[in-house]
């Protein structure tokens, strides 16, 4: 594995920037090509529909579920959320059912005022519950987070009073870009396997 992405700072882009989608797709596709290989892709969307700010993950999961894509396995939707109460069991299930999965963690987070509305993509796991002082297992080989509101004070209250409009905008962009990146990455992997097979058979 190359180490270029391990040395870079996470991509951070505001959802309404005109180039946001292209930047996210490009970065995610490159990360998948460089890091995932032939490992099965598993997406874990963390959060709950009982809190507006914390509903980002389930909204992303529900959107991705509609694609019925064979290219990834999904955990965490509005109907069946992955949250503090079942996160550890979900991760155990993933490790039992998938051989060396490449896990993409998706979650909401709190940040500085100037960062609200930003989407971050980086190497390493997301740490669910960190913003509200919960000690939960880390999730993901890479992570995607949406900064939904301001952190540092009364976090539970802030999450409950986050604008649904912003959360849905972030969720729409994340789900669209992640799906596009996975499709592009799988196409590259398929082409590479075809070229290898043709070379092996002398064509």
Protein backbone atom coordinates (compact mmCIF):
# COMPACT_ATOMS: atom_id res chain seq x y z
CA UNK A 1 0.00 0.00 0.00
CA UNK A 2 1.20 3.51 -0.78
CA UNK A 3 1.39 5.91 2.12
CA UNK A 4 0.58 9.19 0.38
CA UNK A 5 -2.87 9.58 1.94
CA UNK A 6 -1.56 8.72 5.41
CA UNK A 7 0.64 11.80 5.21
CA UNK A 8 -2.03 14.18 4.02
CA UNK A 9 -4.38 16.19 6.18
CA UNK A 10 -8.05 15.24 5.79
CA UNK A 11 -9.99 16.86 2.98
CA UNK A 12 -12.37 19.48 4.36
CA UNK A 13 -14.87 21.13 2.05
CA UNK A 14 -17.97 23.26 2.59
CA UNK A 15 -21.07 21.54 1.21
CA UNK A 16 -22.23 24.52 -0.87
CA UNK A 17 -18.92 25.06 -2.69
CA UNK A 18 -19.34 24.60 -6.42
CA UNK A 19 -16.44 22.13 -6.52
CA UNK A 20 -17.46 20.19 -3.39
CA UNK A 21 -18.83 17.11 -5.15
CA UNK A 22 -15.87 16.75 -7.51
CA UNK A 23 -13.36 17.19 -4.69
CA UNK A 24 -15.09 14.57 -2.54
CA UNK A 25 -15.48 12.05 -5.35
CA UNK A 26 -11.86 12.47 -6.45
CA UNK A 27 -10.48 12.02 -2.95
CA UNK A 28 -12.72 9.08 -2.06
CA UNK A 29 -12.05 7.29 -5.35
CA UNK A 30 -8.30 7.69 -4.92
CA UNK A 31 -8.44 6.43 -1.33
CA UNK A 32 -10.48 3.38 -2.33
CA UNK A 33 -8.14 2.60 -5.25
CA UNK A 34 -5.10 2.98 -3.04
CA UNK A 35 -6.28 1.32 0.16
CA UNK A 36 -9.22 -1.02 -0.37
CA UNK A 37 -7.90 -3.38 -3.04
CA UNK A 38 -10.14 -6.44 -3.36
CA UNK A 39 -11.42 -6.24 0.22
CA UNK A 40 -15.22 -6.14 0.58
CA UNK A 41 -16.45 -2.58 1.18
CA UNK A 42 -18.62 -2.10 4.27
CA UNK A 43 -20.22 1.25 5.07
CA UNK A 44 -21.21 1.94 8.68
CA UNK A 45 -23.44 4.99 9.09
CA UNK A 46 -23.54 5.87 12.78
CA UNK A 47 -26.27 7.91 14.45
CA UNK A 48 -29.92 7.99 15.46
CA UNK A 49 -33.11 9.50 14.07
CA UNK A 50 -34.07 10.57 17.59
CA UNK A 51 -31.74 13.57 17.37
CA UNK A 52 -31.74 15.96 14.42
CA UNK A 53 -28.00 16.59 14.51
CA UNK A 54 -27.17 12.93 14.99
CA UNK A 55 -29.39 11.78 12.11
CA UNK A 56 -26.74 12.45 9.44
CA UNK A 57 -25.45 8.87 9.41
CA UNK A 58 -28.87 7.17 9.15
CA UNK A 59 -29.91 9.62 6.42
CA UNK A 60 -26.80 8.76 4.40
CA UNK A 61 -27.45 5.06 4.95
CA UNK A 62 -31.08 5.31 3.88
CA UNK A 63 -30.09 7.13 0.71
CA UNK A 64 -27.42 4.56 -0.12
CA UNK A 65 -29.80 1.70 0.59
CA UNK A 66 -32.04 2.92 -2.26
CA UNK A 67 -29.26 2.26 -4.78
CA UNK A 68 -29.41 -1.50 -4.07
CA UNK A 69 -25.75 -1.59 -5.06
CA UNK A 70 -23.88 -4.91 -5.04
CA UNK A 71 -20.59 -3.08 -4.53
CA UNK A 72 -20.91 -2.58 -0.77
CA UNK A 73 -22.67 -3.79 2.36
CA UNK A 74 -24.45 -1.16 4.43
CA UNK A 75 -25.14 -0.86 8.14
CA UNK A 76 -27.09 2.06 9.63
CA UNK A 77 -30.32 3.47 8.21
CA UNK A 78 -33.30 5.39 9.58
CA UNK A 79 -35.15 2.08 9.90
CA UNK A 80 -32.24 0.17 11.47
CA UNK A 81 -29.81 2.72 12.93
CA UNK A 82 -26.38 1.93 14.31
CA UNK A 83 -25.97 3.86 17.57
CA UNK A 84 -24.35 3.72 21.00
CA UNK A 85 -26.49 0.80 22.17
CA UNK A 86 -25.70 -1.57 19.29
CA UNK A 87 -22.45 -0.29 17.79
CA UNK A 88 -20.18 -2.87 19.38
CA UNK A 89 -22.48 -5.74 18.37
CA UNK A 90 -22.67 -4.36 14.82
CA UNK A 91 -18.87 -4.26 14.53
CA UNK A 92 -18.65 -7.83 15.82
CA UNK A 93 -21.22 -8.91 13.21
CA UNK A 94 -19.24 -7.21 10.45
CA UNK A 95 -16.05 -9.00 11.45
CA UNK A 96 -17.85 -12.34 11.53
CA UNK A 97 -19.60 -11.96 8.20
CA UNK A 98 -16.92 -10.24 6.12
CA UNK A 99 -13.34 -11.35 5.52
CA UNK A 100 -10.97 -8.43 6.03
CA UNK A 101 -13.58 -5.78 5.27
CA UNK A 102 -12.62 -2.27 4.22
CA UNK A 103 -14.84 -0.20 6.49
CA UNK A 104 -16.00 3.35 5.76
CA UNK A 105 -17.31 5.13 8.86
CA UNK A 106 -19.88 7.91 8.41
CA UNK A 107 -21.00 10.13 11.29
CA UNK A 108 -22.02 13.62 12.31
CA UNK A 109 -19.71 15.74 14.41
CA UNK A 110 -19.55 19.11 16.11
CA UNK A 111 -16.90 21.72 15.38
CA UNK A 112 -16.01 25.38 15.29
CA UNK A 113 -18.50 27.98 14.05
CA UNK A 114 -16.60 28.52 10.80
CA UNK A 115 -16.59 24.79 10.07
CA UNK A 116 -20.33 24.13 10.38
CA UNK A 117 -21.51 22.78 7.03
CA UNK A 118 -18.17 21.21 6.15
CA UNK A 119 -17.62 17.59 5.15
CA UNK A 120 -14.36 15.92 6.14
CA UNK A 121 -12.76 12.83 4.57
CA UNK A 122 -9.70 11.24 6.11
CA UNK A 123 -7.72 8.10 6.80
CA UNK A 124 -8.46 6.30 10.05
CA UNK A 125 -11.63 5.71 12.03
CA UNK A 126 -14.41 8.00 13.07
CA UNK A 127 -14.85 8.10 16.85
CA UNK A 128 -18.59 8.09 17.56
CA UNK A 129 -19.72 9.84 20.70
CA UNK A 130 -16.48 11.76 21.20
CA UNK A 131 -18.32 15.07 20.95
CA UNK A 132 -20.65 14.12 23.81
CA UNK A 133 -18.01 12.37 25.93
CA UNK A 134 -19.10 8.80 25.16
CA UNK A 135 -16.50 6.05 25.03
CA UNK A 136 -17.47 4.04 21.95
CA UNK A 137 -15.44 1.81 19.60
CA UNK A 138 -13.76 3.57 16.66
CA UNK A 139 -15.25 2.80 13.24
CA UNK A 140 -13.61 2.61 9.85
CA UNK A 141 -10.42 2.33 7.86
CA UNK A 142 -11.39 5.74 6.52
CA UNK A 143 -14.03 8.18 7.72
CA UNK A 144 -16.49 10.74 6.40
CA UNK A 145 -17.91 13.26 8.84
CA UNK A 146 -20.30 16.15 8.47
CA UNK A 147 -19.95 19.07 10.86
CA UNK A 148 -23.56 19.78 11.75
CA UNK A 149 -23.24 22.33 14.56
CA UNK A 150 -20.96 24.04 17.07
CA UNK A 151 -19.24 21.99 19.76
CA UNK A 152 -17.85 22.80 23.17
CA UNK A 153 -20.98 23.58 25.17
CA UNK A 154 -24.17 21.63 25.96
CA UNK A 155 -23.52 19.16 23.14
CA UNK A 156 -26.69 17.10 23.62
CA UNK A 157 -28.83 20.24 23.46
CA UNK A 158 -26.94 21.47 20.39
CA UNK A 159 -27.47 18.18 18.54
CA UNK A 160 -31.18 18.21 19.37
CA UNK A 161 -31.51 21.74 18.01
CA UNK A 162 -29.58 21.37 14.77
CA UNK A 163 -31.32 22.41 11.56
CA UNK A 164 -32.63 19.42 9.61
CA UNK A 165 -32.14 21.36 6.37
CA UNK A 166 -28.37 21.43 6.88
CA UNK A 167 -28.19 17.78 7.91
CA UNK A 168 -30.13 16.70 4.83
CA UNK A 169 -27.95 18.79 2.53
CA UNK A 170 -24.83 17.18 3.98
CA UNK A 171 -26.37 13.70 3.81
CA UNK A 172 -27.40 14.13 0.16
CA UNK A 173 -23.92 15.22 -0.86
CA UNK A 174 -22.12 12.52 1.14
CA UNK A 175 -24.31 9.69 -0.17
CA UNK A 176 -24.07 10.85 -3.79
CA UNK A 177 -20.31 11.30 -3.70
CA UNK A 178 -19.62 8.08 -1.81
CA UNK A 179 -21.74 6.02 -4.19
CA UNK A 180 -20.05 7.60 -7.23
CA UNK A 181 -16.60 6.99 -5.79
CA UNK A 182 -17.32 3.33 -5.04
CA UNK A 183 -18.72 2.72 -8.53
CA UNK A 184 -15.69 4.37 -10.13
CA UNK A 185 -13.28 2.45 -7.93
CA UNK A 186 -14.99 -0.87 -8.64
CA UNK A 187 -14.82 -0.14 -12.38
CA UNK A 188 -11.07 0.48 -12.11
CA UNK A 189 -10.60 -2.75 -10.14
CA UNK A 190 -12.62 -4.70 -12.70
CA UNK A 191 -10.58 -3.28 -15.58
CA UNK A 192 -7.35 -4.15 -13.79
CA UNK A 193 -8.48 -7.74 -13.23
CA UNK A 194 -9.54 -8.06 -16.88
CA UNK A 195 -6.18 -6.77 -18.11
CA UNK A 196 -4.35 -9.16 -15.77
CA UNK A 197 -6.43 -12.10 -16.97
CA UNK A 198 -5.85 -11.18 -20.61
CA UNK A 199 -2.12 -10.91 -20.00
CA UNK A 200 -2.05 -14.29 -18.25
CA UNK A 201 -3.82 -15.97 -21.17
CA UNK A 202 -1.66 -14.27 -23.78
CA UNK A 203 -4.29 -12.03 -25.36
